[in-house]
N, C-alpha and C. Protein backbone atom coordinates (compact mmCIF):
# COMPACT_ATOMS: atom_id res chain seq x y z
N MET A 1 68.38 11.57 -15.34
CA MET A 1 67.31 10.88 -16.04
C MET A 1 67.83 9.54 -16.55
N THR A 2 67.06 8.49 -16.34
CA THR A 2 67.43 7.15 -16.79
C THR A 2 67.16 7.02 -18.28
N PRO A 3 68.14 6.55 -19.06
CA PRO A 3 67.91 6.39 -20.49
C PRO A 3 66.88 5.31 -20.77
N VAL A 4 66.11 5.51 -21.82
CA VAL A 4 65.11 4.54 -22.24
C VAL A 4 65.81 3.45 -23.03
N PRO A 5 65.61 2.16 -22.66
CA PRO A 5 66.23 1.08 -23.42
C PRO A 5 65.79 1.11 -24.88
N ALA A 6 66.61 0.57 -25.73
CA ALA A 6 66.31 0.54 -27.16
C ALA A 6 65.02 -0.23 -27.42
N ARG A 7 64.33 0.18 -28.48
CA ARG A 7 63.12 -0.52 -28.88
C ARG A 7 63.48 -1.98 -29.09
N GLY A 8 62.60 -2.86 -28.64
CA GLY A 8 62.85 -4.28 -28.78
C GLY A 8 63.50 -4.89 -27.55
N SER A 9 63.67 -4.09 -26.50
CA SER A 9 64.23 -4.62 -25.27
C SER A 9 63.36 -5.77 -24.78
N SER A 10 63.97 -6.83 -24.36
CA SER A 10 63.20 -8.03 -23.99
C SER A 10 62.89 -8.11 -22.51
N THR A 11 63.23 -7.11 -21.72
CA THR A 11 63.04 -7.22 -20.28
C THR A 11 61.59 -7.45 -19.88
N VAL A 12 60.65 -6.78 -20.51
CA VAL A 12 59.24 -6.97 -20.19
C VAL A 12 58.81 -8.38 -20.58
N ILE A 13 59.22 -8.83 -21.73
CA ILE A 13 58.83 -10.15 -22.20
C ILE A 13 59.44 -11.23 -21.31
N GLU A 14 60.66 -11.05 -20.89
CA GLU A 14 61.30 -12.02 -20.00
C GLU A 14 60.57 -12.13 -18.67
N ARG A 15 59.95 -11.05 -18.23
CA ARG A 15 59.22 -11.05 -16.96
C ARG A 15 57.76 -11.44 -17.11
N THR A 16 57.30 -11.57 -18.34
CA THR A 16 55.91 -11.94 -18.58
C THR A 16 55.74 -13.43 -18.31
N PRO A 17 54.74 -13.80 -17.52
CA PRO A 17 54.54 -15.23 -17.22
C PRO A 17 54.36 -16.05 -18.51
N GLU A 18 54.94 -17.22 -18.52
CA GLU A 18 54.83 -18.12 -19.67
C GLU A 18 53.37 -18.42 -19.99
N ALA A 19 52.55 -18.53 -18.95
CA ALA A 19 51.12 -18.80 -19.16
C ALA A 19 50.46 -17.68 -19.96
N THR A 20 50.87 -16.44 -19.72
CA THR A 20 50.31 -15.30 -20.46
C THR A 20 50.73 -15.36 -21.92
N LEU A 21 52.02 -15.62 -22.16
CA LEU A 21 52.49 -15.70 -23.55
C LEU A 21 51.85 -16.88 -24.28
N SER A 22 51.66 -17.99 -23.60
CA SER A 22 51.00 -19.14 -24.22
C SER A 22 49.55 -18.81 -24.55
N TRP A 23 48.88 -18.13 -23.62
CA TRP A 23 47.48 -17.72 -23.83
C TRP A 23 47.37 -16.83 -25.06
N LEU A 24 48.30 -15.88 -25.20
CA LEU A 24 48.26 -14.97 -26.35
C LEU A 24 48.54 -15.67 -27.67
N GLN A 25 49.16 -16.84 -27.63
CA GLN A 25 49.48 -17.57 -28.86
C GLN A 25 48.47 -18.64 -29.22
N GLU A 26 47.41 -18.78 -28.44
CA GLU A 26 46.39 -19.78 -28.75
C GLU A 26 45.73 -19.44 -30.08
N PRO A 27 45.42 -20.44 -30.89
CA PRO A 27 44.89 -20.18 -32.23
C PRO A 27 43.43 -19.73 -32.28
N ASP A 28 42.78 -19.59 -31.11
CA ASP A 28 41.38 -19.15 -31.13
C ASP A 28 41.23 -17.72 -31.62
N ASP A 29 42.29 -16.94 -31.56
CA ASP A 29 42.30 -15.59 -32.12
C ASP A 29 43.58 -15.47 -32.95
N PRO A 30 43.49 -15.81 -34.24
CA PRO A 30 44.67 -15.87 -35.08
C PRO A 30 45.48 -14.58 -35.14
N ALA A 31 44.81 -13.44 -35.19
CA ALA A 31 45.54 -12.17 -35.29
C ALA A 31 46.40 -11.93 -34.06
N VAL A 32 45.84 -12.16 -32.87
CA VAL A 32 46.60 -11.97 -31.64
C VAL A 32 47.76 -12.96 -31.59
N ALA A 33 47.52 -14.19 -31.98
CA ALA A 33 48.56 -15.21 -31.95
C ALA A 33 49.74 -14.82 -32.84
N VAL A 34 49.45 -14.39 -34.06
CA VAL A 34 50.52 -14.03 -34.98
C VAL A 34 51.23 -12.75 -34.53
N LEU A 35 50.48 -11.76 -34.12
CA LEU A 35 51.10 -10.51 -33.68
C LEU A 35 51.95 -10.71 -32.43
N THR A 36 51.54 -11.60 -31.55
CA THR A 36 52.35 -11.93 -30.38
C THR A 36 53.68 -12.54 -30.82
N ARG A 37 53.60 -13.47 -31.74
CA ARG A 37 54.82 -14.15 -32.20
C ARG A 37 55.74 -13.19 -32.95
N ARG A 38 55.14 -12.27 -33.72
CA ARG A 38 55.95 -11.31 -34.49
C ARG A 38 56.50 -10.18 -33.61
N ALA A 39 55.60 -9.51 -32.92
CA ALA A 39 55.96 -8.27 -32.22
C ALA A 39 56.60 -8.49 -30.85
N LEU A 40 56.20 -9.53 -30.17
CA LEU A 40 56.73 -9.74 -28.82
C LEU A 40 57.85 -10.78 -28.77
N LEU A 41 57.71 -11.82 -29.58
CA LEU A 41 58.68 -12.92 -29.51
C LEU A 41 59.70 -12.88 -30.64
N ASP A 42 59.54 -11.93 -31.56
CA ASP A 42 60.48 -11.75 -32.68
C ASP A 42 60.68 -13.02 -33.50
N GLU A 43 59.63 -13.81 -33.65
CA GLU A 43 59.74 -15.03 -34.46
C GLU A 43 59.79 -14.66 -35.94
N PRO A 44 60.59 -15.36 -36.70
CA PRO A 44 60.62 -15.12 -38.14
C PRO A 44 59.34 -15.66 -38.79
N GLU A 45 59.01 -15.11 -39.92
CA GLU A 45 57.82 -15.55 -40.66
C GLU A 45 57.97 -17.03 -41.00
N SER A 46 56.87 -17.77 -40.92
CA SER A 46 56.89 -19.20 -41.23
C SER A 46 55.59 -19.56 -41.93
N PRO A 47 55.54 -20.71 -42.60
CA PRO A 47 54.28 -21.16 -43.21
C PRO A 47 53.15 -21.28 -42.19
N ASP A 48 53.49 -21.73 -40.99
CA ASP A 48 52.50 -21.85 -39.92
C ASP A 48 51.90 -20.48 -39.57
N MET A 49 52.75 -19.48 -39.44
CA MET A 49 52.26 -18.13 -39.12
C MET A 49 51.44 -17.56 -40.27
N GLN A 50 51.86 -17.81 -41.49
CA GLN A 50 51.12 -17.31 -42.65
C GLN A 50 49.73 -17.94 -42.72
N ALA A 51 49.65 -19.23 -42.44
CA ALA A 51 48.35 -19.92 -42.44
C ALA A 51 47.45 -19.37 -41.34
N LEU A 52 48.02 -19.15 -40.17
CA LEU A 52 47.25 -18.60 -39.06
C LEU A 52 46.78 -17.19 -39.38
N TRP A 53 47.66 -16.37 -39.96
CA TRP A 53 47.32 -14.99 -40.33
C TRP A 53 46.17 -14.97 -41.34
N ALA A 54 46.15 -15.94 -42.25
CA ALA A 54 45.09 -15.99 -43.27
C ALA A 54 43.71 -16.22 -42.64
N LEU A 55 43.67 -16.77 -41.44
CA LEU A 55 42.39 -17.03 -40.75
C LEU A 55 41.87 -15.84 -39.95
N ARG A 56 42.63 -14.78 -39.86
CA ARG A 56 42.28 -13.68 -38.95
C ARG A 56 40.94 -13.02 -39.26
N ASN A 57 40.54 -12.98 -40.50
CA ASN A 57 39.28 -12.31 -40.84
C ASN A 57 38.06 -13.18 -40.57
N ALA A 58 38.27 -14.42 -40.20
CA ALA A 58 37.15 -15.31 -39.91
C ALA A 58 36.61 -15.10 -38.49
N PHE A 59 37.26 -14.26 -37.72
CA PHE A 59 36.87 -14.04 -36.33
C PHE A 59 36.30 -12.65 -36.14
N GLY A 60 35.27 -12.56 -35.31
CA GLY A 60 34.59 -11.29 -35.08
C GLY A 60 35.33 -10.38 -34.13
N PRO A 61 34.66 -9.34 -33.69
CA PRO A 61 35.28 -8.34 -32.80
C PRO A 61 35.48 -8.90 -31.39
N ILE A 62 36.56 -9.62 -31.22
CA ILE A 62 36.85 -10.31 -29.97
C ILE A 62 36.94 -9.36 -28.77
N VAL A 63 37.53 -8.20 -28.97
CA VAL A 63 37.72 -7.27 -27.85
C VAL A 63 36.38 -6.93 -27.20
N ALA A 64 35.42 -6.53 -27.98
CA ALA A 64 34.12 -6.12 -27.44
C ALA A 64 33.42 -7.29 -26.75
N ILE A 65 33.51 -8.46 -27.34
CA ILE A 65 32.85 -9.64 -26.76
C ILE A 65 33.46 -9.99 -25.42
N LEU A 66 34.79 -10.08 -25.37
CA LEU A 66 35.44 -10.46 -24.12
C LEU A 66 35.26 -9.42 -23.03
N GLU A 67 35.38 -8.15 -23.40
CA GLU A 67 35.22 -7.11 -22.39
C GLU A 67 33.79 -7.04 -21.88
N ALA A 68 32.82 -7.32 -22.74
CA ALA A 68 31.43 -7.32 -22.31
C ALA A 68 31.18 -8.43 -21.29
N LYS A 69 31.92 -9.52 -21.41
CA LYS A 69 31.77 -10.63 -20.48
C LYS A 69 32.59 -10.42 -19.20
N GLY A 70 33.43 -9.40 -19.20
CA GLY A 70 34.27 -9.16 -18.04
C GLY A 70 35.45 -10.10 -17.94
N GLU A 71 35.78 -10.78 -19.04
CA GLU A 71 36.91 -11.70 -19.06
C GLU A 71 38.16 -10.98 -19.54
N PRO A 72 39.34 -11.54 -19.27
CA PRO A 72 40.57 -10.91 -19.76
C PRO A 72 40.55 -10.79 -21.29
N SER A 73 41.12 -9.72 -21.77
CA SER A 73 41.15 -9.46 -23.20
C SER A 73 42.55 -9.71 -23.75
N LYS A 74 42.67 -10.62 -24.71
CA LYS A 74 43.96 -10.87 -25.34
C LYS A 74 44.45 -9.62 -26.06
N TRP A 75 43.55 -8.90 -26.71
CA TRP A 75 43.96 -7.70 -27.45
C TRP A 75 44.55 -6.66 -26.52
N LEU A 76 43.92 -6.45 -25.38
CA LEU A 76 44.45 -5.45 -24.44
C LEU A 76 45.76 -5.90 -23.83
N THR A 77 45.88 -7.20 -23.53
CA THR A 77 47.13 -7.72 -22.98
C THR A 77 48.25 -7.59 -23.99
N LEU A 78 47.99 -7.95 -25.24
CA LEU A 78 48.99 -7.83 -26.30
C LEU A 78 49.41 -6.38 -26.46
N ARG A 79 48.46 -5.47 -26.49
CA ARG A 79 48.78 -4.05 -26.67
C ARG A 79 49.61 -3.53 -25.50
N ALA A 80 49.23 -3.88 -24.29
CA ALA A 80 49.95 -3.42 -23.11
C ALA A 80 51.39 -3.92 -23.12
N LEU A 81 51.60 -5.18 -23.43
CA LEU A 81 52.95 -5.73 -23.47
C LEU A 81 53.77 -5.10 -24.59
N THR A 82 53.15 -4.82 -25.72
CA THR A 82 53.85 -4.20 -26.84
C THR A 82 54.32 -2.79 -26.46
N VAL A 83 53.45 -2.02 -25.81
CA VAL A 83 53.80 -0.67 -25.39
C VAL A 83 54.91 -0.72 -24.34
N LEU A 84 54.77 -1.60 -23.35
CA LEU A 84 55.80 -1.72 -22.32
C LEU A 84 57.15 -2.12 -22.92
N ARG A 85 57.10 -3.04 -23.85
CA ARG A 85 58.36 -3.48 -24.49
C ARG A 85 59.00 -2.33 -25.26
N HIS A 86 58.17 -1.57 -25.95
CA HIS A 86 58.70 -0.45 -26.74
C HIS A 86 59.42 0.56 -25.86
N PHE A 87 58.87 0.83 -24.70
CA PHE A 87 59.45 1.83 -23.82
C PHE A 87 60.40 1.23 -22.78
N GLY A 88 60.66 -0.07 -22.90
CA GLY A 88 61.65 -0.71 -22.03
C GLY A 88 61.22 -0.90 -20.60
N GLY A 89 59.90 -0.93 -20.36
CA GLY A 89 59.39 -1.02 -19.00
C GLY A 89 59.60 -2.29 -18.30
């Protein structure tokens, strides 16, 4: 059995296209942008991130809206990458 890499393994993130990571960090969805920077990119807390995080409640249920339109969902992409990173995929 192959051992599971330690939590926080960067292999998935290193293989993730830069365009995807940039898309997840766009300020149009502050919560996704901050969580991407924290959970996937391991960025330290900064005034910029705190300001962006403060805006998160100003946005509606993005997941339902985007999925209803059949467009890619930042929330689902963020969740998938977080799970893959956790399990070292």
